[in-house]
């Protein structure tokens, strides 16, 4: 009986870390889309995302963000904006122009995700996730969310400059010159695309921070714990 008690106690102690890992949140789910459409796998609650994630998990987040079924209409939305603004005029208008802009937007979106959420975070040992604060006043939370463009967490838990965000999107902006019209390429255009993407990511950080609150207001349902 005493041996059984010691074995049971040992198993209980060993199960503690496993239980804690089950409670840790590695990534968002397909049910947690922004406005029920935009993939949101990068977002986790701060208190549930404390544990560092592996290189494989970083890659999984990037792949799911990039190739989720809803990622394709999102690219179409940005292609529509580019079409309306006649971005890259040499691509023309009509169906042919939209098709080129669509695949350009999809390529930008995919490269940005893969570089800033997988490649750079793996190489630089940074956490690519957005850790939703979920507490405090509105201005405090907005400031926190916007600042995550500049600040991220290292795999060791320390705060670092978000080189993955800046570097990953720089690779996207520079690399896009490989598939955009030669006559429409310029250093200024490349820098503008880089800056716009950083701005878009900052805005999305704010939406990611407040999405559970917005969803609760729209549906009247509290977010699941």
Protein backbone atom coordinates (compact mmCIF):
# COMPACT_ATOMS: atom_id res chain seq x y z
CA UNK A 1 0.00 0.00 0.00
CA UNK A 2 2.82 2.37 0.89
CA UNK A 3 4.55 1.64 -2.45
CA UNK A 4 1.31 2.29 -4.30
CA UNK A 5 0.93 5.60 -2.47
CA UNK A 6 4.47 6.69 -3.39
CA UNK A 7 3.93 5.68 -7.04
CA UNK A 8 0.63 7.61 -7.15
CA UNK A 9 2.26 10.67 -5.62
CA UNK A 10 5.11 10.49 -8.14
CA UNK A 11 2.73 10.22 -11.07
CA UNK A 12 0.72 13.18 -9.75
CA UNK A 13 3.86 15.32 -9.52
CA UNK A 14 4.96 14.32 -13.01
CA UNK A 15 1.54 15.14 -14.39
CA UNK A 16 1.78 18.72 -13.12
CA UNK A 17 4.04 20.05 -15.93
CA UNK A 18 1.99 18.12 -18.51
CA UNK A 19 -1.23 19.69 -17.23
CA UNK A 20 0.42 23.11 -17.38
CA UNK A 21 1.48 22.50 -20.98
CA UNK A 22 -2.09 21.54 -21.89
CA UNK A 23 -3.26 24.87 -20.48
CA UNK A 24 -0.64 26.84 -22.44
CA UNK A 25 -1.92 28.19 -25.75
CA UNK A 26 0.39 27.73 -28.72
CA UNK A 27 -1.72 29.48 -31.36
CA UNK A 28 -5.20 30.72 -32.19
CA UNK A 29 -7.83 28.51 -33.76
CA UNK A 30 -9.90 28.60 -36.92
CA UNK A 31 -12.88 29.65 -34.79
CA UNK A 32 -11.05 32.81 -33.70
CA UNK A 33 -11.04 34.70 -37.00
CA UNK A 34 -11.11 38.48 -37.03
CA UNK A 35 -14.61 39.49 -38.13
CA UNK A 36 -15.23 35.75 -38.65
CA UNK A 37 -13.07 35.82 -41.82
CA UNK A 38 -9.43 36.90 -41.35
CA UNK A 39 -7.09 34.13 -40.12
CA UNK A 40 -5.90 34.84 -36.59
CA UNK A 41 -3.61 31.94 -35.67
CA UNK A 42 -0.87 34.30 -34.45
CA UNK A 43 -2.94 35.64 -31.54
CA UNK A 44 -3.00 34.07 -28.07
CA UNK A 45 -3.97 35.35 -24.65
CA UNK A 46 -0.90 36.65 -22.84
CA UNK A 47 -1.38 34.57 -19.70
CA UNK A 48 -1.94 31.38 -21.71
CA UNK A 49 0.95 31.94 -24.12
CA UNK A 50 3.75 32.21 -21.57
CA UNK A 51 5.51 29.01 -22.62
CA UNK A 52 8.06 29.39 -25.44
CA UNK A 53 7.14 27.69 -28.70
CA UNK A 54 9.30 25.52 -30.92
CA UNK A 55 10.56 26.21 -34.42
CA UNK A 56 8.02 23.71 -35.75
CA UNK A 57 5.19 25.55 -33.99
CA UNK A 58 6.36 28.88 -35.42
CA UNK A 59 6.32 27.37 -38.90
CA UNK A 60 2.87 25.89 -38.29
CA UNK A 61 1.49 29.31 -37.31
CA UNK A 62 2.90 30.88 -40.48
CA UNK A 63 1.60 28.11 -42.73
CA UNK A 64 -1.88 28.23 -41.23
CA UNK A 65 -2.01 32.02 -41.48
CA UNK A 66 -0.84 31.84 -45.10
CA UNK A 67 -2.92 28.95 -46.43
CA UNK A 68 -6.08 29.07 -44.39
CA UNK A 69 -9.03 28.95 -46.86
CA UNK A 70 -10.03 32.47 -45.88
CA UNK A 71 -6.57 33.82 -46.72
CA UNK A 72 -7.49 33.69 -50.42
CA UNK A 73 -10.50 36.04 -50.32
CA UNK A 74 -8.50 38.35 -48.05
CA UNK A 75 -5.91 38.60 -50.85
CA UNK A 76 -8.78 39.35 -53.22
CA UNK A 77 -9.89 42.23 -50.99
CA UNK A 78 -6.43 43.83 -51.15
CA UNK A 79 -6.24 43.16 -54.88
CA UNK A 80 -9.54 45.00 -55.28
CA UNK A 81 -8.12 48.02 -53.47
CA UNK A 82 -5.03 47.91 -55.71
CA UNK A 83 -7.27 47.67 -58.78
CA UNK A 84 -9.34 50.68 -57.68
CA UNK A 85 -6.17 52.71 -57.07
CA UNK A 86 -4.67 51.49 -60.37
CA UNK A 87 -1.56 50.28 -58.58
CA UNK A 88 1.03 49.12 -61.14
CA UNK A 89 -0.68 50.85 -64.13
CA UNK A 90 1.11 48.68 -66.67
CA UNK A 91 -0.97 45.73 -65.45
CA UNK A 92 -4.03 47.50 -66.80
CA UNK A 93 -7.62 47.07 -65.65
CA UNK A 94 -10.31 44.46 -66.26
CA UNK A 95 -10.10 40.78 -65.41
CA UNK A 96 -6.50 40.43 -66.58
CA UNK A 97 -5.36 43.32 -64.42
CA UNK A 98 -7.24 42.04 -61.38
CA UNK A 99 -5.78 38.56 -61.82
CA UNK A 100 -2.23 39.92 -61.79
CA UNK A 101 -2.95 42.08 -58.76
CA UNK A 102 -4.60 39.16 -56.98
CA UNK A 103 -1.63 36.85 -57.35
CA UNK A 104 0.71 39.72 -56.43
CA UNK A 105 -1.29 40.38 -53.25
CA UNK A 106 -1.39 36.68 -52.43
CA UNK A 107 2.38 36.41 -52.91
CA UNK A 108 3.00 39.49 -50.73
CA UNK A 109 0.72 38.12 -48.04
CA UNK A 110 2.33 34.67 -48.05
CA UNK A 111 5.94 35.89 -48.08
CA UNK A 112 5.20 38.40 -45.32
CA UNK A 113 3.67 35.69 -43.12
CA UNK A 114 6.36 33.11 -43.76
CA UNK A 115 9.23 35.54 -43.20
CA UNK A 116 7.91 37.46 -40.19
CA UNK A 117 6.18 34.54 -38.45
CA UNK A 118 8.54 31.65 -39.23
CA UNK A 119 11.91 32.27 -40.88
CA UNK A 120 13.06 35.34 -38.94
CA UNK A 121 11.58 34.23 -35.58
CA UNK A 122 13.30 30.85 -35.92
CA UNK A 123 16.65 32.39 -36.86
CA UNK A 124 16.47 35.19 -34.27
CA UNK A 125 14.82 33.12 -31.51
CA UNK A 126 11.84 35.45 -31.25
CA UNK A 127 8.18 34.73 -30.54
CA UNK A 128 6.07 35.65 -33.60
CA UNK A 129 2.78 35.61 -31.71
CA UNK A 130 0.66 38.57 -30.69
CA UNK A 131 0.09 38.16 -26.96
CA UNK A 132 -3.31 39.71 -26.32
CA UNK A 133 -3.25 41.75 -23.10
CA UNK A 134 -6.97 41.69 -22.46
CA UNK A 135 -6.91 43.93 -19.38
CA UNK A 136 -6.59 47.60 -18.49
CA UNK A 137 -8.09 50.70 -20.06
CA UNK A 138 -8.78 51.17 -23.75
CA UNK A 139 -5.91 53.60 -24.36
CA UNK A 140 -3.48 51.39 -22.45
CA UNK A 141 -4.47 48.35 -24.49
CA UNK A 142 -4.33 50.29 -27.77
CA UNK A 143 -0.84 51.54 -26.94
CA UNK A 144 0.27 48.04 -26.00
CA UNK A 145 -1.11 46.51 -29.20
CA UNK A 146 0.43 49.16 -31.46
CA UNK A 147 3.81 48.88 -29.72
CA UNK A 148 4.06 45.16 -30.49
CA UNK A 149 5.21 46.14 -33.97
CA UNK A 150 8.40 47.41 -32.30
CA UNK A 151 8.62 45.10 -29.30
CA UNK A 152 8.39 41.33 -29.18
CA UNK A 153 9.37 38.57 -26.80
CA UNK A 154 12.48 36.47 -27.17
CA UNK A 155 12.30 32.72 -26.71
CA UNK A 156 13.85 33.29 -23.28
CA UNK A 157 10.96 35.55 -22.24
CA UNK A 158 12.82 38.88 -22.49
CA UNK A 159 11.54 41.91 -24.43
CA UNK A 160 13.39 42.60 -27.70
CA UNK A 161 13.21 44.84 -30.73
CA UNK A 162 10.87 43.13 -33.18
CA UNK A 163 13.46 42.49 -35.87
CA UNK A 164 11.31 39.66 -37.23
CA UNK A 165 8.49 42.06 -38.10
CA UNK A 166 10.75 44.65 -39.70
CA UNK A 167 13.11 42.19 -41.38
CA UNK A 168 10.43 39.81 -42.60
CA UNK A 169 8.41 42.55 -44.24
CA UNK A 170 11.53 44.12 -45.74
CA UNK A 171 12.23 40.80 -47.48
CA UNK A 172 8.62 40.79 -48.74
CA UNK A 173 8.84 44.36 -50.06
CA UNK A 174 12.18 43.81 -51.79
CA UNK A 175 11.20 40.35 -53.08
CA UNK A 176 7.99 41.68 -54.61
CA UNK A 177 10.12 43.37 -57.26
CA UNK A 178 10.61 39.92 -58.75
CA UNK A 179 6.96 39.72 -59.83
CA UNK A 180 5.82 43.32 -60.22
CA UNK A 181 6.21 45.18 -63.54
CA UNK A 182 9.75 46.35 -64.19
CA UNK A 183 8.60 49.82 -65.25
CA UNK A 184 6.71 50.28 -61.97
CA UNK A 185 9.60 49.33 -59.67
CA UNK A 186 11.41 51.94 -57.62
CA UNK A 187 13.22 52.29 -54.33
CA UNK A 188 10.49 54.63 -53.14
CA UNK A 189 7.77 52.14 -54.09
CA UNK A 190 9.58 49.34 -52.28
CA UNK A 191 9.99 51.45 -49.14
CA UNK A 192 6.34 52.50 -49.35
CA UNK A 193 5.16 48.88 -49.56
CA UNK A 194 7.32 48.02 -46.53
CA UNK A 195 5.93 50.90 -44.51
CA UNK A 196 2.33 50.20 -45.52
CA UNK A 197 2.66 46.57 -44.46
CA UNK A 198 4.05 47.61 -41.07
CA UNK A 199 1.12 50.01 -40.69
CA UNK A 200 -1.40 47.32 -41.65
CA UNK A 201 0.13 44.93 -39.12
CA UNK A 202 -0.07 47.62 -36.42
CA UNK A 203 -3.77 48.18 -37.15
CA UNK A 204 -4.41 44.45 -37.11
CA UNK A 205 -2.66 44.18 -33.75
CA UNK A 206 -5.22 46.61 -32.34
CA UNK A 207 -8.09 44.61 -33.84
CA UNK A 208 -6.58 41.40 -32.46
CA UNK A 209 -6.41 42.94 -29.00
CA UNK A 210 -10.04 44.04 -29.00
CA UNK A 211 -11.65 41.38 -31.19
CA UNK A 212 -13.04 39.33 -28.23
CA UNK A 213 -14.63 42.51 -26.86
CA UNK A 214 -16.02 43.48 -30.28
CA UNK A 215 -17.37 39.98 -30.84
CA UNK A 216 -19.05 39.99 -27.43
CA UNK A 217 -20.74 43.30 -28.24
CA UNK A 218 -21.94 42.02 -31.61
CA UNK A 219 -23.14 38.60 -30.46
CA UNK A 220 -23.92 39.17 -26.78
CA UNK A 221 -21.82 36.10 -25.95
CA UNK A 222 -18.85 36.11 -23.62
CA UNK A 223 -15.59 34.68 -25.07
CA UNK A 224 -14.77 31.15 -23.96
CA UNK A 225 -12.27 31.01 -21.05
